[in-house]
């Protein structure tokens, strides 16, 4: 399993909460960034980073090494995490 799993989420997004819960239930350690809770400048920077990675502003975005999973997709997450 990769060392770093990062999730970009919104604190109010039900799909983001499901994805975090899925990762926790699978005992996957992850770093979460709730984009809507960042200050304006940091939020803008992170949104630009997400758009560069995915071509859009959709949440959640899970980054596992060089793999990117957009949206709550447990099958894709299992595949990229080797579960």
PDB file of N, CA and C in Angstrom:
ATOM      1  N   UNK A   1       0.852  -1.183   0.000  1.00  0.00           N
ATOM      2  CA  UNK A   1       0.000   0.000   0.000  1.00  0.00           C
ATOM      3  C   UNK A   1       0.892   1.239   0.000  1.00  0.00           C
ATOM      4  N   UNK A   2       0.511   2.254  -0.771  1.00  0.00           N
ATOM      5  CA  UNK A   2       1.323   3.468  -0.837  1.00  0.00           C
ATOM      6  C   UNK A   2       1.435   4.151   0.516  1.00  0.00           C
ATOM      7  N   UNK A   3       2.520   4.900   0.669  1.00  0.00           N
ATOM      8  CA  UNK A   3       2.741   5.595   1.929  1.00  0.00           C
ATOM      9  C   UNK A   3       1.770   6.753   2.131  1.00  0.00           C
ATOM     10  N   UNK A   4       1.482   7.496   1.054  1.00  0.00           N
ATOM     11  CA  UNK A   4       0.697   8.710   1.209  1.00  0.00           C
ATOM     12  C   UNK A   4      -0.611   8.606   0.424  1.00  0.00           C
ATOM     13  N   UNK A   5      -1.707   8.773   1.140  1.00  0.00           N
ATOM     14  CA  UNK A   5      -3.023   8.871   0.522  1.00  0.00           C
ATOM     15  C   UNK A   5      -3.572  10.213   0.959  1.00  0.00           C
ATOM     16  N   UNK A   6      -3.984  11.019  -0.021  1.00  0.00           N
ATOM     17  CA  UNK A   6      -4.472  12.355   0.289  1.00  0.00           C
ATOM     18  C   UNK A   6      -5.864  12.506  -0.304  1.00  0.00           C
ATOM     19  N   UNK A   7      -6.767  13.066   0.476  1.00  0.00           N
ATOM     20  CA  UNK A   7      -8.124  13.315  -0.001  1.00  0.00           C
ATOM     21  C   UNK A   7      -8.420  14.803   0.089  1.00  0.00           C
ATOM     22  N   UNK A   8      -8.867  15.339  -1.032  1.00  0.00           N
ATOM     23  CA  UNK A   8      -9.355  16.712  -1.074  1.00  0.00           C
ATOM     24  C   UNK A   8     -10.873  16.611  -1.001  1.00  0.00           C
ATOM     25  N   UNK A   9     -11.472  17.290  -0.034  1.00  0.00           N
ATOM     26  CA  UNK A   9     -12.897  17.120   0.222  1.00  0.00           C
ATOM     27  C   UNK A   9     -13.526  18.454   0.596  1.00  0.00           C
ATOM     28  N   UNK A  10     -14.839  18.409   0.732  1.00  0.00           N
ATOM     29  CA  UNK A  10     -15.598  19.524   1.289  1.00  0.00           C
ATOM     30  C   UNK A  10     -16.235  19.027   2.576  1.00  0.00           C
ATOM     31  N   UNK A  11     -16.215  19.834   3.595  1.00  0.00           N
ATOM     32  CA  UNK A  11     -16.720  19.390   4.901  1.00  0.00           C
ATOM     33  C   UNK A  11     -18.208  19.065   4.877  1.00  0.00           C
ATOM     34  N   UNK A  12     -18.939  19.637   3.923  1.00  0.00           N
ATOM     35  CA  UNK A  12     -20.387  19.439   3.849  1.00  0.00           C
ATOM     36  C   UNK A  12     -20.813  18.390   2.826  1.00  0.00           C
ATOM     37  N   UNK A  13     -19.877  17.774   2.152  1.00  0.00           N
ATOM     38  CA  UNK A  13     -20.164  16.848   1.044  1.00  0.00           C
ATOM     39  C   UNK A  13     -20.402  15.429   1.556  1.00  0.00           C
ATOM     40  N   UNK A  14     -21.593  14.866   1.322  1.00  0.00           N
ATOM     41  CA  UNK A  14     -21.866  13.504   1.787  1.00  0.00           C
ATOM     42  C   UNK A  14     -20.982  12.458   1.106  1.00  0.00           C
ATOM     43  N   UNK A  15     -20.616  12.658  -0.153  1.00  0.00           N
ATOM     44  CA  UNK A  15     -19.751  11.705  -0.843  1.00  0.00           C
ATOM     45  C   UNK A  15     -18.341  11.747  -0.280  1.00  0.00           C
ATOM     46  N   UNK A  16     -17.919  12.926   0.128  1.00  0.00           N
ATOM     47  CA  UNK A  16     -16.608  13.072   0.761  1.00  0.00           C
ATOM     48  C   UNK A  16     -16.591  12.330   2.101  1.00  0.00           C
ATOM     49  N   UNK A  17     -17.657  12.482   2.877  1.00  0.00           N
ATOM     50  CA  UNK A  17     -17.744  11.770   4.165  1.00  0.00           C
ATOM     51  C   UNK A  17     -17.747  10.260   3.949  1.00  0.00           C
ATOM     52  N   UNK A  18     -18.458   9.792   2.925  1.00  0.00           N
ATOM     53  CA  UNK A  18     -18.474   8.347   2.625  1.00  0.00           C
ATOM     54  C   UNK A  18     -17.094   7.844   2.256  1.00  0.00           C
ATOM     55  N   UNK A  19     -16.377   8.645   1.473  1.00  0.00           N
ATOM     56  CA  UNK A  19     -15.032   8.240   1.066  1.00  0.00           C
ATOM     57  C   UNK A  19     -14.093   8.185   2.270  1.00  0.00           C
ATOM     58  N   UNK A  20     -14.160   9.179   3.141  1.00  0.00           N
ATOM     59  CA  UNK A  20     -13.338   9.160   4.360  1.00  0.00           C
ATOM     60  C   UNK A  20     -13.690   7.954   5.221  1.00  0.00           C
ATOM     61  N   UNK A  21     -14.982   7.678   5.358  1.00  0.00           N
ATOM     62  CA  UNK A  21     -15.422   6.528   6.154  1.00  0.00           C
ATOM     63  C   UNK A  21     -14.909   5.218   5.535  1.00  0.00           C
ATOM     64  N   UNK A  22     -14.998   5.098   4.214  1.00  0.00           N
ATOM     65  CA  UNK A  22     -14.501   3.916   3.520  1.00  0.00           C
ATOM     66  C   UNK A  22     -13.015   3.711   3.805  1.00  0.00           C
ATOM     67  N   UNK A  23     -12.222   4.775   3.670  1.00  0.00           N
ATOM     68  CA  UNK A  23     -10.785   4.664   3.922  1.00  0.00           C
ATOM     69  C   UNK A  23     -10.516   4.259   5.365  1.00  0.00           C
ATOM     70  N   UNK A  24     -11.242   4.852   6.303  1.00  0.00           N
ATOM     71  CA  UNK A  24     -11.060   4.518   7.720  1.00  0.00           C
ATOM     72  C   UNK A  24     -11.435   3.067   7.993  1.00  0.00           C
ATOM     73  N   UNK A  25     -12.557   2.609   7.420  1.00  0.00           N
ATOM     74  CA  UNK A  25     -12.990   1.224   7.626  1.00  0.00           C
ATOM     75  C   UNK A  25     -11.988   0.224   7.072  1.00  0.00           C
ATOM     76  N   UNK A  26     -11.261   0.623   6.025  1.00  0.00           N
ATOM     77  CA  UNK A  26     -10.241  -0.243   5.418  1.00  0.00           C
ATOM     78  C   UNK A  26      -8.871  -0.037   6.068  1.00  0.00           C
ATOM     79  N   UNK A  27      -8.837   0.728   7.154  1.00  0.00           N
ATOM     80  CA  UNK A  27      -7.602   1.010   7.893  1.00  0.00           C
ATOM     81  C   UNK A  27      -6.525   1.656   7.018  1.00  0.00           C
ATOM     82  N   UNK A  28      -6.965   2.532   6.123  1.00  0.00           N
ATOM     83  CA  UNK A  28      -6.049   3.270   5.263  1.00  0.00           C
ATOM     84  C   UNK A  28      -5.790   4.619   5.919  1.00  0.00           C
ATOM     85  N   UNK A  29      -4.527   4.893   6.213  1.00  0.00           N
ATOM     86  CA  UNK A  29      -4.179   6.202   6.755  1.00  0.00           C
ATOM     87  C   UNK A  29      -4.190   7.206   5.617  1.00  0.00           C
ATOM     88  N   UNK A  30      -4.750   8.364   5.879  1.00  0.00           N
ATOM     89  CA  UNK A  30      -4.833   9.377   4.834  1.00  0.00           C
ATOM     90  C   UNK A  30      -4.739  10.755   5.436  1.00  0.00           C
ATOM     91  N   UNK A  31      -4.340  11.686   4.574  1.00  0.00           N
ATOM     92  CA  UNK A  31      -4.316  13.104   4.928  1.00  0.00           C
ATOM     93  C   UNK A  31      -5.517  13.740   4.252  1.00  0.00           C
ATOM     94  N   UNK A  32      -6.353  14.412   5.007  1.00  0.00           N
ATOM     95  CA  UNK A  32      -7.551  15.036   4.453  1.00  0.00           C
ATOM     96  C   UNK A  32      -7.395  16.548   4.440  1.00  0.00           C
ATOM     97  N   UNK A  33      -7.814  17.156   3.331  1.00  0.00           N
ATOM     98  CA  UNK A  33      -7.848  18.601   3.203  1.00  0.00           C
ATOM     99  C   UNK A  33      -9.293  18.983   2.905  1.00  0.00           C
ATOM    100  N   UNK A  34      -9.961  19.613   3.867  1.00  0.00           N
ATOM    101  CA  UNK A  34     -11.312  20.118   3.652  1.00  0.00           C
ATOM    102  C   UNK A  34     -11.178  21.498   3.031  1.00  0.00           C
ATOM    103  N   UNK A  35     -11.314  21.540   1.725  1.00  0.00           N
ATOM    104  CA  UNK A  35     -11.014  22.748   0.951  1.00  0.00           C
ATOM    105  C   UNK A  35     -11.866  23.932   1.388  1.00  0.00           C
ATOM    106  N   UNK A  36     -13.132  23.690   1.713  1.00  0.00           N
ATOM    107  CA  UNK A  36     -14.010  24.798   2.091  1.00  0.00           C
ATOM    108  C   UNK A  36     -13.661  25.415   3.439  1.00  0.00           C
ATOM    109  N   UNK A  37     -12.810  24.767   4.208  1.00  0.00           N
ATOM    110  CA  UNK A  37     -12.411  25.304   5.516  1.00  0.00           C
ATOM    111  C   UNK A  37     -11.076  26.057   5.464  1.00  0.00           C
ATOM    112  N   UNK A  38     -10.445  26.089   4.296  1.00  0.00           N
ATOM    113  CA  UNK A  38      -9.183  26.807   4.143  1.00  0.00           C
ATOM    114  C   UNK A  38      -9.453  28.303   4.006  1.00  0.00           C
ATOM    115  N   UNK A  39      -8.425  29.121   4.305  1.00  0.00           N
ATOM    116  CA  UNK A  39      -8.597  30.554   4.069  1.00  0.00           C
ATOM    117  C   UNK A  39      -8.639  30.800   2.560  1.00  0.00           C
ATOM    118  N   UNK A  40      -9.101  31.974   2.156  1.00  0.00           N
ATOM    119  CA  UNK A  40      -9.372  32.252   0.750  1.00  0.00           C
ATOM    120  C   UNK A  40      -8.178  31.995  -0.171  1.00  0.00           C
ATOM    121  N   UNK A  41      -7.013  32.477   0.205  1.00  0.00           N
ATOM    122  CA  UNK A  41      -5.834  32.327  -0.658  1.00  0.00           C
ATOM    123  C   UNK A  41      -5.444  30.858  -0.802  1.00  0.00           C
ATOM    124  N   UNK A  42      -5.442  30.137   0.300  1.00  0.00           N
ATOM    125  CA  UNK A  42      -5.085  28.715   0.266  1.00  0.00           C
ATOM    126  C   UNK A  42      -6.140  27.925  -0.502  1.00  0.00           C
ATOM    127  N   UNK A  43      -7.397  28.275  -0.310  1.00  0.00           N
ATOM    128  CA  UNK A  43      -8.488  27.610  -1.021  1.00  0.00           C
ATOM    129  C   UNK A  43      -8.313  27.789  -2.536  1.00  0.00           C
ATOM    130  N   UNK A  44      -8.002  28.981  -2.958  1.00  0.00           N
ATOM    131  CA  UNK A  44      -7.797  29.242  -4.385  1.00  0.00           C
ATOM    132  C   UNK A  44      -6.630  28.421  -4.929  1.00  0.00           C
ATOM    133  N   UNK A  45      -5.542  28.348  -4.172  1.00  0.00           N
ATOM    134  CA  UNK A  45      -4.363  27.580  -4.593  1.00  0.00           C
ATOM    135  C   UNK A  45      -4.713  26.096  -4.734  1.00  0.00           C
ATOM    136  N   UNK A  46      -5.424  25.561  -3.755  1.00  0.00           N
ATOM    137  CA  UNK A  46      -5.771  24.141  -3.776  1.00  0.00           C
ATOM    138  C   UNK A  46      -6.759  23.845  -4.907  1.00  0.00           C
ATOM    139  N   UNK A  47      -7.729  24.726  -5.135  1.00  0.00           N
ATOM    140  CA  UNK A  47      -8.669  24.523  -6.244  1.00  0.00           C
ATOM    141  C   UNK A  47      -7.943  24.511  -7.591  1.00  0.00           C
ATOM    142  N   UNK A  48      -6.939  25.358  -7.755  1.00  0.00           N
ATOM    143  CA  UNK A  48      -6.139  25.355  -8.985  1.00  0.00           C
ATOM    144  C   UNK A  48      -5.388  24.035  -9.117  1.00  0.00           C
ATOM    145  N   UNK A  49      -4.843  23.544  -8.009  1.00  0.00           N
ATOM    146  CA  UNK A  49      -4.120  22.261  -8.008  1.00  0.00           C
ATOM    147  C   UNK A  49      -5.063  21.119  -8.409  1.00  0.00           C
ATOM    148  N   UNK A  50      -6.272  21.123  -7.851  1.00  0.00           N
ATOM    149  CA  UNK A  50      -7.257  20.087  -8.172  1.00  0.00           C
ATOM    150  C   UNK A  50      -7.635  20.159  -9.652  1.00  0.00           C
ATOM    151  N   UNK A  51      -7.834  21.380 -10.158  1.00  0.00           N
ATOM    152  CA  UNK A  51      -8.203  21.519 -11.569  1.00  0.00           C
ATOM    153  C   UNK A  51      -7.076  21.046 -12.486  1.00  0.00           C
ATOM    154  N   UNK A  52      -5.830  21.299 -12.100  1.00  0.00           N
ATOM    155  CA  UNK A  52      -4.688  20.807 -12.878  1.00  0.00           C
ATOM    156  C   UNK A  52      -4.672  19.283 -12.916  1.00  0.00           C
ATOM    157  N   UNK A  53      -4.967  18.659 -11.777  1.00  0.00           N
ATOM    158  CA  UNK A  53      -4.930  17.195 -11.690  1.00  0.00           C
ATOM    159  C   UNK A  53      -6.088  16.536 -12.426  1.00  0.00           C
ATOM    160  N   UNK A  54      -7.284  17.138 -12.306  1.00  0.00           N
ATOM    161  CA  UNK A  54      -8.494  16.450 -12.760  1.00  0.00           C
ATOM    162  C   UNK A  54      -9.197  17.128 -13.934  1.00  0.00           C
ATOM    163  N   UNK A  55      -8.870  18.392 -14.202  1.00  0.00           N
ATOM    164  CA  UNK A  55      -9.546  19.134 -15.250  1.00  0.00           C
ATOM    165  C   UNK A  55     -10.884  19.714 -14.827  1.00  0.00           C
ATOM    166  N   UNK A  56     -11.208  19.597 -13.535  1.00  0.00           N
ATOM    167  CA  UNK A  56     -12.494  20.102 -13.039  1.00  0.00           C
ATOM    168  C   UNK A  56     -12.431  20.319 -11.528  1.00  0.00           C
ATOM    169  N   UNK A  57     -13.529  20.826 -10.982  1.00  0.00           N
ATOM    170  CA  UNK A  57     -13.668  21.002  -9.529  1.00  0.00           C
ATOM    171  C   UNK A  57     -14.741  20.041  -9.048  1.00  0.00           C
ATOM    172  N   UNK A  58     -14.369  18.803  -8.821  1.00  0.00           N
ATOM    173  CA  UNK A  58     -15.290  17.790  -8.301  1.00  0.00           C
ATOM    174  C   UNK A  58     -14.693  17.235  -7.019  1.00  0.00           C
ATOM    175  N   UNK A  59     -15.558  16.801  -6.143  1.00  0.00           N
ATOM    176  CA  UNK A  59     -15.102  16.269  -4.861  1.00  0.00           C
ATOM    177  C   UNK A  59     -15.837  14.981  -4.555  1.00  0.00           C
ATOM    178  N   UNK A  60     -15.198  14.095  -3.823  1.00  0.00           N
ATOM    179  CA  UNK A  60     -13.823  14.135  -3.329  1.00  0.00           C
ATOM    180  C   UNK A  60     -12.824  13.796  -4.436  1.00  0.00           C
ATOM    181  N   UNK A  61     -11.578  14.153  -4.188  1.00  0.00           N
ATOM    182  CA  UNK A  61     -10.460  13.755  -5.038  1.00  0.00           C
ATOM    183  C   UNK A  61      -9.479  13.021  -4.128  1.00  0.00           C
ATOM    184  N   UNK A  62      -9.215  11.764  -4.459  1.00  0.00           N
ATOM    185  CA  UNK A  62      -8.275  10.960  -3.677  1.00  0.00           C
ATOM    186  C   UNK A  62      -7.033  10.755  -4.525  1.00  0.00           C
ATOM    187  N   UNK A  63      -5.879  11.106  -3.960  1.00  0.00           N
ATOM    188  CA  UNK A  63      -4.605  10.956  -4.656  1.00  0.00           C
ATOM    189  C   UNK A  63      -3.821   9.846  -3.952  1.00  0.00           C
ATOM    190  N   UNK A  64      -3.471   8.822  -4.740  1.00  0.00           N
ATOM    191  CA  UNK A  64      -2.692   7.691  -4.233  1.00  0.00           C
ATOM    192  C   UNK A  64      -1.492   7.554  -5.157  1.00  0.00           C
ATOM    193  N   UNK A  65      -0.348   8.065  -4.704  1.00  0.00           N
ATOM    194  CA  UNK A  65       0.821   8.069  -5.586  1.00  0.00           C
ATOM    195  C   UNK A  65       0.505   8.881  -6.833  1.00  0.00           C
ATOM    196  N   UNK A  66       0.606   8.254  -8.003  1.00  0.00           N
ATOM    197  CA  UNK A  66       0.299   8.942  -9.259  1.00  0.00           C
ATOM    198  C   UNK A  66      -1.140   8.713  -9.711  1.00  0.00           C
ATOM    199  N   UNK A  67      -1.891   7.929  -8.954  1.00  0.00           N
ATOM    200  CA  UNK A  67      -3.289   7.630  -9.293  1.00  0.00           C
ATOM    201  C   UNK A  67      -4.222   8.661  -8.667  1.00  0.00           C
ATOM    202  N   UNK A  68      -5.260   9.027  -9.409  1.00  0.00           N
ATOM    203  CA  UNK A  68      -6.241   9.998  -8.927  1.00  0.00           C
ATOM    204  C   UNK A  68      -7.630   9.405  -9.110  1.00  0.00           C
ATOM    205  N   UNK A  69      -8.410   9.397  -8.040  1.00  0.00           N
ATOM    206  CA  UNK A  69      -9.792   8.923  -8.094  1.00  0.00           C
ATOM    207  C   UNK A  69     -10.691  10.114  -7.780  1.00  0.00           C
ATOM    208  N   UNK A  70     -11.571  10.443  -8.721  1.00  0.00           N
ATOM    209  CA  UNK A  70     -12.492  11.565  -8.546  1.00  0.00           C
ATOM    210  C   UNK A  70     -13.870  10.995  -8.229  1.00  0.00           C
ATOM    211  N   UNK A  71     -14.475  11.516  -7.175  1.00  0.00           N
ATOM    212  CA  UNK A  71     -15.788  11.035  -6.762  1.00  0.00           C
ATOM    213  C   UNK A  71     -15.671   9.852  -5.826  1.00  0.00           C
ATOM    214  N   UNK A  72     -16.809   9.472  -5.267  1.00  0.00           N
ATOM    215  CA  UNK A  72     -16.847   8.326  -4.347  1.00  0.00           C
ATOM    216  C   UNK A  72     -16.996   7.060  -5.181  1.00  0.00           C
ATOM    217  N   UNK A  73     -15.880   6.369  -5.408  1.00  0.00           N
ATOM    218  CA  UNK A  73     -15.869   5.164  -6.230  1.00  0.00           C
ATOM    219  C   UNK A  73     -15.068   4.090  -5.495  1.00  0.00           C
ATOM    220  N   UNK A  74     -15.774   3.271  -4.714  1.00  0.00           N
ATOM    221  CA  UNK A  74     -15.102   2.283  -3.873  1.00  0.00           C
ATOM    222  C   UNK A  74     -14.319   1.258  -4.691  1.00  0.00           C
ATOM    223  N   UNK A  75     -14.833   0.870  -5.854  1.00  0.00           N
ATOM    224  CA  UNK A  75     -14.121  -0.113  -6.683  1.00  0.00           C
ATOM    225  C   UNK A  75     -12.793   0.446  -7.184  1.00  0.00           C
ATOM    226  N   UNK A  76     -12.793   1.681  -7.651  1.00  0.00           N
ATOM    227  CA  UNK A  76     -11.535   2.301  -8.092  1.00  0.00           C
ATOM    228  C   UNK A  76     -10.578   2.467  -6.925  1.00  0.00           C
ATOM    229  N   UNK A  77     -11.123   2.852  -5.760  1.00  0.00           N
ATOM    230  CA  UNK A  77     -10.256   3.011  -4.588  1.00  0.00           C
ATOM    231  C   UNK A  77      -9.623   1.681  -4.208  1.00  0.00           C
ATOM    232  N   UNK A  78     -10.415   0.619  -4.193  1.00  0.00           N
ATOM    233  CA  UNK A  78      -9.870  -0.713  -3.871  1.00  0.00           C
ATOM    234  C   UNK A  78      -8.739  -1.058  -4.822  1.00  0.00           C
ATOM    235  N   UNK A  79      -8.943  -0.771  -6.117  1.00  0.00           N
ATOM    236  CA  UNK A  79      -7.932  -1.105  -7.117  1.00  0.00           C
ATOM    237  C   UNK A  79      -6.643  -0.327  -6.887  1.00  0.00           C
ATOM    238  N   UNK A  80      -6.734   1.002  -6.729  1.00  0.00           N
ATOM    239  CA  UNK A  80      -5.507   1.801  -6.592  1.00  0.00           C
ATOM    240  C   UNK A  80      -4.832   1.574  -5.242  1.00  0.00           C
ATOM    241  N   UNK A  81      -5.616   1.147  -4.234  1.00  0.00           N
ATOM    242  CA  UNK A  81      -5.043   0.885  -2.906  1.00  0.00           C
ATOM    243  C   UNK A  81      -4.585  -0.564  -2.757  1.00  0.00           C
ATOM    244  N   UNK A  82      -4.896  -1.400  -3.732  1.00  0.00           N
ATOM    245  CA  UNK A  82      -4.508  -2.811  -3.644  1.00  0.00           C
ATOM    246  C   UNK A  82      -5.270  -3.572  -2.592  1.00  0.00           C
ATOM    247  N   UNK A  83      -6.542  -3.231  -2.404  1.00  0.00           N
ATOM    248  CA  UNK A  83      -7.366  -3.895  -1.381  1.00  0.00           C
ATOM    249  C   UNK A  83      -8.155  -5.054  -1.983  1.00  0.00           C
TER     250      UNK A  83
END
